Amino acid sequence: MTTAMTTDPLTGLGDLRALSLRFPPGARAETAIWIDVDGLIWFNDSEGFAAGDAALAAIGQLLRGECAASTLEGYRVAGDELVLVRPASGPELSLAEANEIADRVVATSAALDLRFTGPRYAANDRDLLTVSALVFRADARLALERRAVCDELAVAIHAAGVATQRRYQRRGQHV
């Protein structure tokens, strides 16, 4: 019997329940792409929650297109944290391909033109809501200990941004 993937209504990606079915306990670790929407909390404060939801929906559409083009599955793990991975029945995502996809998602997200317009944020060095991406090894822990994994990956994205001063930059201060 095949279980239908449960979908996050905002992004159209799989939800946390679907992710837990994708990575049951004991599943092998495999290459995945972590996507973090940079500054969504500030975007919501500046533009309102309806605009934040519309931004997430646009990012979800972008990721669904990437999934279709790259034979990936996408999942919304938390509010602004998403994961792309190959279906369990397919070949594992190679590190090189994952890096290419991560670069493409980061670059393409700017074309969504999701701008901060609120006066409180006009002085920021960047006025676009962007995404960061990080290639990592995903396994059952991602679904079972979601918050801990989210925090660890956020720290890794921040450290990469500090080191490279480019694609992984994050808005605001890392606490």
Protein backbone atom coordinates (compact mmCIF):
# COMPACT_ATOMS: atom_id res chain seq x y z
CA MET A 1 0.00 0.00 0.00
CA THR A 2 1.40 3.41 -0.98
CA THR A 3 0.85 6.34 1.33
CA ALA A 4 0.15 9.65 -0.39
CA MET A 5 2.57 12.43 0.54
CA THR A 6 1.01 15.00 2.82
CA THR A 7 1.55 18.50 1.54
CA ASP A 8 2.21 21.83 3.19
CA PRO A 9 -0.64 24.05 1.95
CA LEU A 10 1.46 27.21 1.73
CA THR A 11 4.48 25.97 -0.23
CA GLY A 12 3.02 22.93 -1.99
CA LEU A 13 6.00 20.92 -0.75
CA GLY A 14 5.81 17.85 1.45
CA ASP A 15 5.21 18.56 5.14
CA LEU A 16 7.00 17.28 8.23
CA ARG A 17 4.85 14.13 8.34
CA ALA A 18 5.83 13.32 4.76
CA LEU A 19 9.48 13.91 5.65
CA SER A 20 9.24 11.48 8.57
CA LEU A 21 7.86 8.85 6.17
CA ARG A 22 10.69 9.62 3.73
CA PHE A 23 13.32 9.13 6.46
CA PRO A 24 12.06 6.38 8.75
CA PRO A 25 14.27 5.30 11.66
CA GLY A 26 17.23 3.37 10.30
CA ALA A 27 17.12 5.00 6.84
CA ARG A 28 20.54 5.57 5.34
CA ALA A 29 21.95 9.08 5.37
CA GLU A 30 22.02 10.78 2.00
CA THR A 31 22.94 14.06 0.39
CA ALA A 32 20.28 16.76 0.66
CA ILE A 33 19.99 20.52 0.26
CA TRP A 34 18.92 22.69 3.18
CA ILE A 35 17.14 25.90 2.18
CA ASP A 36 16.68 28.71 4.69
CA VAL A 37 14.63 31.82 3.92
CA ASP A 38 16.82 34.66 5.18
CA GLY A 39 15.04 37.25 7.29
CA LEU A 40 11.46 36.00 6.99
CA ILE A 41 10.68 37.16 10.52
CA TRP A 42 11.80 40.70 9.61
CA PHE A 43 9.94 40.50 6.31
CA ASN A 44 6.75 39.62 8.20
CA ASP A 45 7.35 42.55 10.56
CA SER A 46 7.99 44.94 7.66
CA GLU A 47 5.47 43.77 5.07
CA GLY A 48 2.88 41.86 7.09
CA PHE A 49 2.11 38.18 7.45
CA ALA A 50 0.08 38.02 4.23
CA ALA A 51 3.14 39.23 2.29
CA GLY A 52 5.32 36.73 4.18
CA ASP A 53 2.94 33.92 3.26
CA ALA A 54 2.97 35.08 -0.37
CA ALA A 55 6.78 35.10 -0.28
CA LEU A 56 6.86 31.54 1.07
CA ALA A 57 4.37 30.46 -1.59
CA ALA A 58 6.60 32.00 -4.30
CA ILE A 59 9.68 30.28 -2.89
CA GLY A 60 7.71 27.03 -2.71
CA GLN A 61 6.79 27.41 -6.38
CA LEU A 62 10.44 28.04 -7.27
CA LEU A 63 11.49 24.92 -5.34
CA ARG A 64 8.72 22.78 -6.88
CA GLY A 65 10.04 23.80 -10.30
CA GLU A 66 13.56 22.87 -9.26
CA CYS A 67 12.30 19.54 -7.93
CA ALA A 68 10.60 18.77 -11.23
CA ALA A 69 13.69 19.71 -13.25
CA SER A 70 16.10 17.82 -10.99
CA THR A 71 13.93 14.84 -9.98
CA LEU A 72 13.96 15.88 -6.32
CA GLU A 73 11.38 15.96 -3.56
CA GLY A 74 10.92 19.07 -1.45
CA TYR A 75 9.75 19.34 2.16
CA ARG A 76 8.90 22.23 4.46
CA VAL A 77 10.58 21.26 7.72
CA ALA A 78 9.73 24.39 9.73
CA GLY A 79 8.44 27.91 9.14
CA ASP A 80 11.20 29.08 6.79
CA GLU A 81 13.31 25.94 6.52
CA LEU A 82 13.01 23.56 3.59
CA VAL A 83 14.80 20.44 2.36
CA LEU A 84 15.36 19.04 -1.13
CA VAL A 85 16.32 15.38 -1.54
CA ARG A 86 16.09 12.63 -4.17
CA PRO A 87 13.18 10.23 -3.86
CA ALA A 88 14.11 7.11 -1.89
CA SER A 89 13.52 5.01 -5.02
CA GLY A 90 15.99 7.03 -7.10
CA PRO A 91 19.76 7.27 -7.20
CA GLU A 92 21.39 9.30 -4.47
CA LEU A 93 21.96 12.98 -5.17
CA SER A 94 25.65 13.51 -5.88
CA LEU A 95 27.58 16.15 -4.01
CA ALA A 96 28.44 17.98 -7.24
CA GLU A 97 24.81 18.04 -8.41
CA ALA A 98 23.61 19.14 -4.97
CA ASN A 99 26.06 22.05 -4.99
CA GLU A 100 24.93 23.09 -8.49
CA ILE A 101 21.28 22.99 -7.43
CA ALA A 102 22.01 24.92 -4.22
CA ASP A 103 23.82 27.62 -6.21
CA ARG A 104 20.97 27.82 -8.73
CA VAL A 105 18.28 28.10 -6.04
CA VAL A 106 20.19 30.87 -4.25
CA ALA A 107 20.76 32.79 -7.50
CA THR A 108 17.20 32.31 -8.79
CA SER A 109 15.59 33.40 -5.52
CA ALA A 110 16.71 37.00 -6.16
CA ALA A 111 14.63 37.02 -9.36
CA LEU A 112 11.50 36.63 -7.21
CA ASP A 113 12.03 40.31 -6.29
CA LEU A 114 10.66 39.94 -2.75
CA ARG A 115 11.51 43.41 -1.44
CA PHE A 116 11.50 44.96 1.99
CA THR A 117 9.61 48.26 1.70
CA GLY A 118 8.87 49.10 5.34
CA PRO A 119 10.65 52.20 6.67
CA ARG A 120 12.11 50.25 9.61
CA TYR A 121 14.19 48.16 7.21
CA ALA A 122 15.06 50.73 4.55
CA ALA A 123 18.57 51.17 5.97
CA ASN A 124 19.50 47.50 5.53
CA ASP A 125 22.37 46.75 3.19
CA ARG A 126 20.09 44.43 1.22
CA ASP A 127 16.43 45.01 0.50
CA LEU A 128 15.61 41.59 -0.97
CA LEU A 129 14.31 38.60 0.94
CA THR A 130 16.71 35.84 -0.13
CA VAL A 131 17.46 32.22 0.58
CA SER A 132 20.59 30.46 1.76
CA ALA A 133 21.40 26.88 0.85
CA LEU A 134 23.64 24.28 2.42
CA VAL A 135 24.42 20.76 1.22
CA PHE A 136 24.32 18.26 4.10
CA ARG A 137 23.68 14.60 4.96
CA ALA A 138 20.04 13.93 5.88
CA ASP A 139 18.71 10.95 7.79
CA ALA A 140 15.90 10.04 10.21
CA ARG A 141 17.27 12.49 12.79
CA LEU A 142 16.05 15.34 10.55
CA ALA A 143 12.43 14.41 11.19
CA LEU A 144 12.86 13.04 14.72
CA GLU A 145 14.91 15.92 16.14
CA ARG A 146 13.81 18.63 13.73
CA ARG A 147 14.45 21.65 15.95
CA ALA A 148 17.96 20.56 16.95
CA VAL A 149 18.90 19.81 13.33
CA CYS A 150 17.41 23.14 12.17
CA ASP A 151 19.50 24.98 14.75
CA GLU A 152 22.69 23.12 13.79
CA LEU A 153 22.21 23.84 10.09
CA ALA A 154 21.40 27.51 10.77
CA VAL A 155 24.71 27.81 12.63
CA ALA A 156 26.51 26.11 9.72
CA ILE A 157 24.90 28.48 7.19
CA HIS A 158 25.87 31.48 9.31
CA ALA A 159 29.47 30.25 9.65
CA ALA A 160 29.68 29.71 5.89
CA GLY A 161 28.38 33.24 5.34
CA VAL A 162 30.96 34.71 7.67
CA ALA A 163 33.72 32.73 5.98
CA THR A 164 32.76 33.47 2.36
CA GLN A 165 30.94 36.79 2.68
CA ARG A 166 28.76 35.81 -0.24
CA ARG A 167 25.97 33.37 -0.86
CA TYR A 168 25.34 32.32 2.72
CA GLN A 169 24.99 35.76 4.31
CA ARG A 170 22.14 36.04 6.78
CA ARG A 171 20.12 39.06 7.76
CA GLY A 172 20.34 40.26 11.34
CA GLN A 173 22.62 39.07 14.09
CA HIS A 174 23.34 35.46 14.87
CA VAL A 175 22.56 34.84 18.52
